[in-house]
N, C-alpha and C. Protein backbone atom coordinates (compact mmCIF):
# COMPACT_ATOMS: atom_id res chain seq x y z
N MET A 1 0.05 36.22 -106.57
CA MET A 1 -0.24 36.82 -105.19
C MET A 1 1.04 37.29 -104.54
N ALA A 2 0.96 38.39 -103.87
CA ALA A 2 2.07 38.96 -103.25
C ALA A 2 2.47 38.24 -101.92
N ASN A 3 3.67 38.07 -101.60
CA ASN A 3 3.98 37.35 -100.31
C ASN A 3 3.78 38.23 -99.15
N SER A 4 2.94 37.81 -98.25
CA SER A 4 2.52 38.58 -97.05
C SER A 4 3.59 38.63 -95.92
N GLY A 5 4.78 37.90 -96.29
CA GLY A 5 5.77 37.85 -95.31
C GLY A 5 5.57 36.74 -94.28
N ARG A 6 4.61 35.93 -94.46
CA ARG A 6 4.30 34.61 -93.65
C ARG A 6 4.50 33.42 -94.46
N ASP A 7 5.15 32.43 -93.81
CA ASP A 7 5.44 31.14 -94.36
C ASP A 7 4.09 30.36 -94.35
N ILE A 8 3.95 29.38 -95.39
CA ILE A 8 2.74 28.57 -95.34
C ILE A 8 3.33 27.21 -94.89
N VAL A 9 2.63 26.71 -93.92
CA VAL A 9 2.94 25.40 -93.29
C VAL A 9 1.91 24.45 -93.64
N THR A 10 2.35 23.22 -94.06
CA THR A 10 1.22 22.16 -94.38
C THR A 10 1.56 20.83 -93.61
N GLY A 11 0.70 20.24 -93.32
CA GLY A 11 0.95 18.94 -92.73
C GLY A 11 -0.27 18.28 -92.12
N ALA A 12 -0.18 17.03 -91.51
CA ALA A 12 -1.25 16.45 -91.01
C ALA A 12 -1.69 17.01 -89.55
N VAL A 13 -2.97 16.92 -89.29
CA VAL A 13 -3.37 17.45 -87.90
C VAL A 13 -3.38 16.15 -87.05
N VAL A 14 -2.72 16.13 -85.93
CA VAL A 14 -2.50 15.12 -85.01
C VAL A 14 -3.48 15.49 -83.73
N GLU A 15 -4.51 14.62 -83.52
CA GLU A 15 -5.41 15.03 -82.40
C GLU A 15 -4.83 14.54 -81.03
N GLU A 16 -4.61 13.16 -80.84
CA GLU A 16 -4.13 12.62 -79.69
C GLU A 16 -3.28 11.44 -80.11
N ILE A 17 -2.06 11.19 -79.60
CA ILE A 17 -1.27 10.16 -79.76
C ILE A 17 -0.75 9.46 -78.50
N THR A 18 -0.33 8.30 -78.61
CA THR A 18 0.11 7.55 -77.49
C THR A 18 1.53 7.73 -77.15
N LEU A 19 2.00 7.29 -75.89
CA LEU A 19 3.32 7.48 -75.51
C LEU A 19 4.27 6.75 -76.44
N GLU A 20 3.85 5.52 -76.91
CA GLU A 20 4.68 4.68 -77.85
C GLU A 20 4.85 5.46 -79.21
N GLU A 21 3.79 6.16 -79.63
CA GLU A 21 3.94 6.94 -80.84
C GLU A 21 4.74 7.98 -80.73
N VAL A 22 4.81 8.74 -79.70
CA VAL A 22 5.81 9.93 -79.32
C VAL A 22 7.11 9.47 -79.41
N THR A 23 7.31 8.18 -78.68
CA THR A 23 8.77 7.74 -78.83
C THR A 23 9.25 7.37 -80.05
N GLN A 24 8.38 6.90 -81.01
CA GLN A 24 8.74 6.52 -82.28
C GLN A 24 9.09 7.77 -83.13
N PHE A 25 8.13 8.73 -83.09
CA PHE A 25 8.25 10.00 -83.75
C PHE A 25 9.59 10.67 -83.24
N CYS A 26 9.97 10.67 -82.17
CA CYS A 26 11.14 11.38 -81.79
C CYS A 26 12.34 10.45 -81.70
N ALA A 27 12.12 9.20 -82.06
CA ALA A 27 13.28 8.23 -82.05
C ALA A 27 14.12 8.12 -80.92
N VAL A 28 13.44 8.05 -79.71
CA VAL A 28 14.03 8.03 -78.40
C VAL A 28 13.16 6.84 -77.51
N ARG A 29 13.91 6.53 -76.44
CA ARG A 29 13.50 5.48 -75.57
C ARG A 29 12.28 6.14 -74.81
N ARG A 30 11.29 5.24 -74.22
CA ARG A 30 10.29 5.65 -73.51
C ARG A 30 10.72 6.31 -72.27
N GLU A 31 11.68 6.20 -71.51
CA GLU A 31 12.17 6.84 -70.59
C GLU A 31 12.60 8.39 -70.77
N LYS A 32 12.88 8.62 -72.03
CA LYS A 32 13.08 10.08 -72.47
C LYS A 32 11.92 10.82 -72.36
N ILE A 33 10.89 10.32 -72.97
CA ILE A 33 9.48 10.94 -73.02
C ILE A 33 8.91 11.10 -71.63
N VAL A 34 9.10 10.02 -70.79
CA VAL A 34 8.55 10.17 -69.39
C VAL A 34 9.40 11.27 -68.62
N ALA A 35 10.67 11.37 -68.81
CA ALA A 35 11.53 12.55 -68.28
C ALA A 35 11.08 13.80 -68.81
N LEU A 36 10.63 13.93 -69.99
CA LEU A 36 10.10 15.33 -70.57
C LEU A 36 8.83 15.69 -69.78
N VAL A 37 8.07 14.59 -69.59
CA VAL A 37 6.66 14.97 -68.85
C VAL A 37 7.10 15.33 -67.46
N THR A 38 7.99 14.55 -66.74
CA THR A 38 8.26 14.86 -65.41
C THR A 38 8.93 16.24 -65.17
N GLU A 39 9.74 16.71 -66.27
CA GLU A 39 10.32 17.99 -66.19
C GLU A 39 9.31 19.07 -66.38
N GLY A 40 8.03 18.79 -66.93
CA GLY A 40 7.15 19.80 -67.33
C GLY A 40 7.33 20.23 -68.61
N ILE A 41 8.12 19.68 -69.42
CA ILE A 41 8.43 20.21 -70.72
C ILE A 41 7.35 19.82 -71.73
N ILE A 42 6.72 18.70 -71.67
CA ILE A 42 5.54 18.42 -72.44
C ILE A 42 4.43 18.08 -71.39
N ASP A 43 3.19 18.03 -71.90
CA ASP A 43 1.95 17.74 -71.13
C ASP A 43 1.31 16.39 -71.55
N ALA A 44 1.09 15.55 -70.68
CA ALA A 44 0.34 14.19 -70.90
C ALA A 44 -1.07 14.33 -70.37
N GLN A 45 -1.97 13.91 -71.03
CA GLN A 45 -3.29 13.65 -70.53
C GLN A 45 -3.59 12.19 -70.11
N GLY A 46 -4.01 11.97 -68.87
CA GLY A 46 -4.23 10.59 -68.50
C GLY A 46 -3.60 10.42 -67.12
N ARG A 47 -4.06 9.39 -66.37
CA ARG A 47 -3.58 9.15 -65.02
C ARG A 47 -2.28 8.31 -65.01
N SER A 48 -2.07 7.38 -65.90
CA SER A 48 -0.85 6.58 -65.89
C SER A 48 -0.14 6.59 -67.13
N GLU A 49 1.02 6.20 -67.20
CA GLU A 49 1.81 6.12 -68.43
C GLU A 49 1.15 5.43 -69.38
N ALA A 50 0.38 4.33 -69.23
CA ALA A 50 -0.46 3.38 -70.11
C ALA A 50 -1.51 4.30 -70.63
N GLU A 51 -2.05 5.31 -69.95
CA GLU A 51 -3.28 6.08 -70.47
C GLU A 51 -2.84 7.39 -71.07
N TRP A 52 -1.57 7.69 -71.05
CA TRP A 52 -1.14 9.12 -71.47
C TRP A 52 -1.51 9.34 -72.91
N ARG A 53 -1.89 10.59 -73.24
CA ARG A 53 -2.23 10.84 -74.65
C ARG A 53 -1.65 12.27 -74.78
N PHE A 54 -0.93 12.55 -75.98
CA PHE A 54 -0.33 13.78 -76.25
C PHE A 54 -1.04 14.53 -77.42
N ASP A 55 -0.95 15.93 -77.39
CA ASP A 55 -1.56 16.52 -78.48
C ASP A 55 -0.38 17.02 -79.49
N SER A 56 -0.67 17.61 -80.63
CA SER A 56 0.38 17.94 -81.55
C SER A 56 1.29 18.96 -80.98
N ARG A 57 0.86 19.77 -80.10
CA ARG A 57 1.94 20.79 -79.48
C ARG A 57 2.90 20.13 -78.63
N SER A 58 2.45 19.21 -77.91
CA SER A 58 3.39 18.31 -77.04
C SER A 58 4.27 17.40 -78.06
N LEU A 59 3.73 17.03 -79.04
CA LEU A 59 4.65 16.29 -79.93
C LEU A 59 5.59 16.99 -80.59
N SER A 60 5.22 18.33 -81.03
CA SER A 60 6.27 19.07 -81.65
C SER A 60 7.13 19.66 -80.60
N ARG A 61 6.86 19.91 -79.42
CA ARG A 61 7.81 20.35 -78.27
C ARG A 61 8.69 19.21 -77.89
N ALA A 62 8.22 18.09 -77.95
CA ALA A 62 8.95 16.78 -77.51
C ALA A 62 10.10 16.76 -78.64
N ARG A 63 9.76 16.80 -79.72
CA ARG A 63 10.89 16.64 -80.77
C ARG A 63 11.86 17.68 -80.68
N ARG A 64 11.49 18.84 -80.45
CA ARG A 64 12.47 20.12 -80.41
C ARG A 64 13.30 19.89 -79.09
N ALA A 65 12.66 19.48 -77.96
CA ALA A 65 13.40 19.14 -76.77
C ALA A 65 14.55 18.08 -76.92
N VAL A 66 14.21 17.10 -77.64
CA VAL A 66 15.12 16.00 -77.86
C VAL A 66 16.40 16.45 -78.72
N ARG A 67 15.96 17.28 -79.69
CA ARG A 67 17.02 17.88 -80.50
C ARG A 67 17.99 18.76 -79.87
N LEU A 68 17.32 19.72 -79.12
CA LEU A 68 18.13 20.72 -78.19
C LEU A 68 19.01 19.98 -77.30
N GLU A 69 18.48 18.99 -76.53
CA GLU A 69 19.39 18.21 -75.63
C GLU A 69 20.43 17.52 -76.30
N SER A 70 20.31 17.01 -77.37
CA SER A 70 21.42 16.24 -78.10
C SER A 70 22.29 17.23 -78.82
N ASP A 71 21.84 18.23 -79.55
CA ASP A 71 22.66 19.10 -80.18
C ASP A 71 23.54 19.93 -79.26
N LEU A 72 22.94 20.51 -78.38
CA LEU A 72 23.53 21.36 -77.44
C LEU A 72 24.41 20.75 -76.25
N GLU A 73 23.88 19.42 -75.87
CA GLU A 73 24.46 18.70 -74.83
C GLU A 73 24.20 19.36 -73.73
N ILE A 74 22.87 19.61 -73.38
CA ILE A 74 22.49 20.26 -72.15
C ILE A 74 21.45 19.40 -71.45
N ASN A 75 21.27 19.66 -70.04
CA ASN A 75 20.26 18.92 -69.35
C ASN A 75 18.82 19.47 -69.64
N LEU A 76 17.77 18.59 -69.14
CA LEU A 76 16.50 18.82 -69.45
C LEU A 76 16.02 20.04 -68.73
N GLY A 77 16.59 20.48 -67.75
CA GLY A 77 16.18 21.84 -67.08
C GLY A 77 16.47 22.98 -67.94
N ALA A 78 17.78 22.91 -68.63
CA ALA A 78 18.07 24.05 -69.55
C ALA A 78 17.16 23.90 -70.82
N VAL A 79 17.00 22.76 -71.26
CA VAL A 79 16.02 22.55 -72.39
C VAL A 79 14.57 23.26 -72.12
N ALA A 80 14.12 23.00 -70.89
CA ALA A 80 12.82 23.63 -70.52
C ALA A 80 12.98 25.13 -70.69
N ILE A 81 13.99 25.73 -70.12
CA ILE A 81 14.06 27.16 -70.16
C ILE A 81 14.16 27.58 -71.69
N ILE A 82 15.04 27.04 -72.52
CA ILE A 82 15.16 27.49 -73.68
C ILE A 82 13.87 27.42 -74.57
N LEU A 83 13.06 26.25 -74.42
CA LEU A 83 11.80 26.19 -75.10
C LEU A 83 10.77 27.18 -74.58
N ASP A 84 10.82 27.56 -73.30
CA ASP A 84 9.82 28.58 -72.86
C ASP A 84 10.25 29.85 -73.43
N LEU A 85 11.49 30.26 -73.44
CA LEU A 85 12.01 31.39 -74.16
C LEU A 85 11.58 31.52 -75.58
N LEU A 86 11.82 30.46 -76.27
CA LEU A 86 11.41 30.38 -77.65
C LEU A 86 9.81 30.63 -77.94
N ASP A 87 9.11 30.03 -77.01
CA ASP A 87 7.67 30.22 -77.04
C ASP A 87 7.34 31.62 -76.76
N GLU A 88 7.91 32.24 -75.88
CA GLU A 88 7.70 33.60 -75.61
C GLU A 88 7.91 34.56 -76.65
N ILE A 89 9.23 34.14 -77.37
CA ILE A 89 9.70 35.04 -78.51
C ILE A 89 8.41 34.98 -79.67
N GLU A 90 8.00 33.77 -79.84
CA GLU A 90 6.92 33.38 -80.93
C GLU A 90 5.66 34.18 -80.57
N ARG A 91 5.25 34.10 -79.26
CA ARG A 91 4.20 34.76 -78.74
C ARG A 91 4.34 36.27 -79.09
N LEU A 92 5.41 36.95 -78.72
CA LEU A 92 5.73 38.22 -78.92
C LEU A 92 5.59 38.73 -80.41
N ARG A 93 6.07 37.87 -81.24
CA ARG A 93 6.15 38.11 -82.78
C ARG A 93 4.80 38.13 -83.29
N VAL A 94 3.90 37.15 -82.86
CA VAL A 94 2.60 37.20 -83.21
C VAL A 94 1.73 38.38 -82.73
N SER A 95 1.90 38.75 -81.67
CA SER A 95 1.11 39.87 -81.01
C SER A 95 1.61 41.13 -81.65
N ARG A 96 2.77 41.19 -82.19
CA ARG A 96 3.22 42.50 -82.84
C ARG A 96 2.86 42.54 -84.26
N GLY A 97 2.60 41.38 -84.91
CA GLY A 97 2.30 41.09 -86.16
C GLY A 97 1.22 41.68 -86.90
């Protein structure tokens, strides 16, 4: 079969995970994930931290945010801008595709 120019991505589907699971996945302290939610970088469903649940998009975005902050040594405000720009680039690629 010819390569259509698209990569095939495989993995498990994550429906909802807890705050503790996100911290484990990202290998960070709870406070870091709380800061990501506070900055609006990721979305949490639930009224309190104890009730927060995250979807797979937030999980992926949290991991990217933690890596950007660490690798580039930038603050979370800059991380939020970079992630929004990367999302926009991806959206434009898909719409042209």
